[in-house]
Amino acid sequence: MGRALFQDKVSLTAQRYGMDLGRPLALVSGGPDSVALLRVIVALDGEPVVLHLDHGLRGEESCEDAAFVRGLCGRLGLRCEVRRLGLDGGSNLQERAREERYRLAEEVAVRLGLETVVTGHTADDVAETVLMNLARGAGLRGLAGIPPVRGRVQRPLIECTRREVLDYLQELEQPY
């Protein structure tokens, strides 16, 4: 799938689910999914504000991720905010980190007057979530996976595969 086809696919997903990619708050970790999300929104003439959350769990690597995202935003001419979550170890760390990410995203979006928060969840993430929920014995709601839109949070890559994301980044020669 070429660059234009990927961008068209994301645009069609946004239209199908009524997503607003004009001026969203984009959660960008620096990984391939969120970097592709950022690049495709800009390619579709969106003007995202970026929020990078440093979980403070990986030492120097966390600092490198933040520096990478800041640098990318600088090259793209985008506003970037970096926040540190300050999570410690303990039980259910992933769930606490997820809740804190969405809480901070909501806070920043409201403060900046942004209606939409976008994340880089892909079709692969949906499949992984369904399988994990199935293994845990989840009911029908758990088997539905990750919704394309839930409140302010929108997922424009939800119909794209990880392979398509990686191919898009490769074509752009965009590191992550």
Protein backbone atom coordinates (compact mmCIF):
# COMPACT_ATOMS: atom_id res chain seq x y z
CA MET A 1 0.00 0.00 0.00
CA GLY A 2 1.49 3.32 -1.03
CA ARG A 3 1.51 6.60 0.84
CA ALA A 4 -1.57 7.99 -0.93
CA LEU A 5 -3.56 4.78 -0.36
CA PHE A 6 -2.70 4.76 3.34
CA GLN A 7 -3.73 8.39 3.68
CA ASP A 8 -6.98 7.69 1.78
CA LYS A 9 -7.72 4.72 4.03
CA VAL A 10 -7.27 6.83 7.17
CA SER A 11 -9.36 9.64 5.68
CA LEU A 12 -12.18 7.20 4.86
CA THR A 13 -12.07 5.78 8.37
CA ALA A 14 -12.31 9.29 9.80
CA GLN A 15 -15.29 10.05 7.57
CA ARG A 16 -17.01 6.74 8.35
CA TYR A 17 -16.89 7.34 12.11
CA GLY A 18 -17.30 11.12 12.09
CA MET A 19 -13.78 11.80 13.36
CA ASP A 20 -12.42 15.34 13.39
CA LEU A 21 -8.75 15.36 12.40
CA GLY A 22 -8.59 19.13 11.88
CA ARG A 23 -7.05 20.13 15.21
CA PRO A 24 -6.80 17.14 17.56
CA LEU A 25 -4.62 16.44 20.55
CA ALA A 26 -2.44 13.57 19.32
CA LEU A 27 -0.94 11.17 21.86
CA VAL A 28 2.51 10.38 20.47
CA SER A 29 4.82 7.91 22.21
CA GLY A 30 7.44 7.86 19.48
CA GLY A 31 6.58 4.33 18.41
CA PRO A 32 5.55 3.45 14.86
CA ASP A 33 1.77 3.67 15.32
CA SER A 34 1.73 7.10 16.94
CA VAL A 35 4.38 8.51 14.59
CA ALA A 36 2.37 7.30 11.57
CA LEU A 37 -0.75 8.81 13.15
CA LEU A 38 0.98 12.17 13.48
CA ARG A 39 2.39 12.12 9.96
CA VAL A 40 -0.91 11.11 8.33
CA ILE A 41 -2.88 13.79 10.19
CA VAL A 42 -0.41 16.42 8.96
CA ALA A 43 -0.59 14.95 5.42
CA LEU A 44 -4.40 15.28 5.59
CA ASP A 45 -3.97 19.00 6.42
CA GLY A 46 -4.68 18.58 10.12
CA GLU A 47 -2.94 20.75 12.71
CA PRO A 48 -2.48 18.48 15.71
CA VAL A 49 -1.11 19.46 19.08
CA VAL A 50 1.10 16.67 20.41
CA LEU A 51 1.12 15.25 23.91
CA HIS A 52 3.96 12.91 24.81
CA LEU A 53 3.70 11.13 28.14
CA ASP A 54 6.86 9.95 29.85
CA HIS A 55 5.91 7.10 32.15
CA GLY A 56 9.26 7.41 33.92
CA LEU A 57 9.75 3.64 33.90
CA ARG A 58 12.59 3.20 31.40
CA GLY A 59 15.22 5.68 32.57
CA GLU A 60 17.33 7.15 29.77
CA GLU A 61 15.18 5.50 27.08
CA SER A 62 12.20 7.55 28.29
CA CYS A 63 14.24 10.74 27.93
CA GLU A 64 15.30 9.69 24.42
CA ASP A 65 11.65 9.06 23.45
CA ALA A 66 10.67 12.54 24.66
CA ALA A 67 13.59 14.13 22.78
CA PHE A 68 12.66 12.24 19.61
CA VAL A 69 9.03 13.39 19.78
CA ARG A 70 10.05 16.99 20.50
CA GLY A 71 12.44 16.92 17.54
CA LEU A 72 9.82 15.46 15.20
CA CYS A 73 7.31 18.10 16.26
CA GLY A 74 9.91 20.81 15.75
CA ARG A 75 10.59 19.60 12.19
CA LEU A 76 6.84 19.49 11.48
CA GLY A 77 6.21 22.88 13.11
CA LEU A 78 3.85 21.45 15.71
CA ARG A 79 3.25 22.35 19.34
CA CYS A 80 4.43 19.58 21.67
CA GLU A 81 3.79 19.12 25.37
CA VAL A 82 5.67 16.51 27.38
CA ARG A 83 4.34 15.34 30.72
CA ARG A 84 5.83 12.86 33.16
CA LEU A 85 3.39 10.45 34.76
CA GLY A 86 5.57 9.48 37.72
CA LEU A 87 4.19 5.97 38.06
CA ASP A 88 5.96 3.54 40.32
CA GLY A 89 5.88 -0.24 40.15
CA GLY A 90 3.15 -2.21 41.78
CA SER A 91 0.19 -4.19 40.61
CA ASN A 92 -1.78 -3.47 37.46
CA LEU A 93 0.76 -0.93 36.22
CA GLN A 94 -0.47 -1.03 32.61
CA GLU A 95 -4.05 -0.27 33.63
CA ARG A 96 -2.97 2.60 35.90
CA ALA A 97 -0.75 4.02 33.15
CA ARG A 98 -3.60 3.84 30.63
CA GLU A 99 -6.01 5.58 33.00
CA GLU A 100 -3.46 8.30 33.76
CA ARG A 101 -2.73 8.83 30.04
CA TYR A 102 -6.39 9.41 29.28
CA ARG A 103 -6.86 11.61 32.36
CA LEU A 104 -3.95 13.84 31.35
CA ALA A 105 -5.06 13.89 27.71
CA GLU A 106 -8.51 15.04 28.80
CA GLU A 107 -6.99 17.72 31.01
CA VAL A 108 -4.71 19.06 28.25
CA ALA A 109 -7.46 18.92 25.59
CA VAL A 110 -9.84 20.91 27.79
CA ARG A 111 -7.15 23.46 28.69
CA LEU A 112 -6.28 23.98 25.02
CA GLY A 113 -9.88 23.95 23.80
CA LEU A 114 -9.40 20.84 21.65
CA GLU A 115 -12.45 18.68 21.02
CA THR A 116 -10.65 15.53 19.92
CA VAL A 117 -7.93 13.26 21.31
CA VAL A 118 -6.45 10.85 18.76
CA THR A 119 -4.48 7.68 19.43
CA GLY A 120 -2.58 5.33 17.14
CA HIS A 121 -4.49 2.13 17.85
CA THR A 122 -4.51 -0.18 14.83
CA ALA A 123 -6.48 -3.21 13.67
CA ASP A 124 -3.72 -5.37 15.20
CA ASP A 125 -4.36 -3.76 18.60
CA VAL A 126 -8.07 -4.58 18.27
CA ALA A 127 -7.27 -8.22 17.49
CA GLU A 128 -4.84 -8.46 20.44
CA THR A 129 -7.42 -6.93 22.78
CA VAL A 130 -10.16 -9.32 21.66
CA LEU A 131 -7.86 -12.33 22.13
CA MET A 132 -6.78 -11.16 25.60
CA ASN A 133 -10.38 -10.53 26.61
CA LEU A 134 -11.43 -13.91 25.25
CA ALA A 135 -8.65 -15.61 27.24
CA ARG A 136 -9.88 -13.83 30.38
CA GLY A 137 -13.43 -14.98 29.77
CA ALA A 138 -14.85 -11.56 28.94
CA GLY A 139 -18.46 -11.10 27.96
CA LEU A 140 -19.74 -9.65 24.71
CA ARG A 141 -18.56 -6.12 25.55
CA GLY A 142 -15.00 -7.35 26.04
CA LEU A 143 -15.12 -9.24 22.75
CA ALA A 144 -16.01 -6.04 20.88
CA GLY A 145 -12.40 -4.84 21.21
CA ILE A 146 -11.36 -1.20 20.96
CA PRO A 147 -14.02 1.15 19.60
CA PRO A 148 -13.06 3.59 16.83
CA VAL A 149 -14.60 6.44 18.86
CA ARG A 150 -15.30 6.67 22.57
CA GLY A 151 -16.27 10.13 23.71
CA ARG A 152 -13.49 12.59 22.86
CA VAL A 153 -11.04 9.77 21.99
CA GLN A 154 -10.80 8.83 18.32
CA ARG A 155 -8.67 6.18 16.62
CA PRO A 156 -8.17 6.98 12.91
CA LEU A 157 -5.73 4.06 12.32
CA ILE A 158 -8.18 1.49 13.70
CA GLU A 159 -8.75 -0.06 10.25
CA CYS A 160 -5.04 -0.12 9.33
CA THR A 161 -2.72 -3.01 10.09
CA ARG A 162 0.68 -2.70 11.73
CA ARG A 163 2.24 -3.80 8.43
CA GLU A 164 0.52 -0.91 6.62
CA VAL A 165 1.78 1.50 9.29
CA LEU A 166 5.35 0.24 8.92
CA ASP A 167 5.17 0.38 5.12
CA TYR A 168 3.87 3.98 5.30
CA LEU A 169 6.71 5.04 7.58
CA GLN A 170 9.25 3.29 5.37
CA GLU A 171 7.94 5.07 2.29
CA LEU A 172 8.22 8.40 4.15
CA GLU A 173 11.69 7.41 5.39
CA GLN A 174 10.37 8.35 8.82
CA PRO A 175 12.17 6.85 11.82
CA TYR A 176 10.35 6.08 15.03
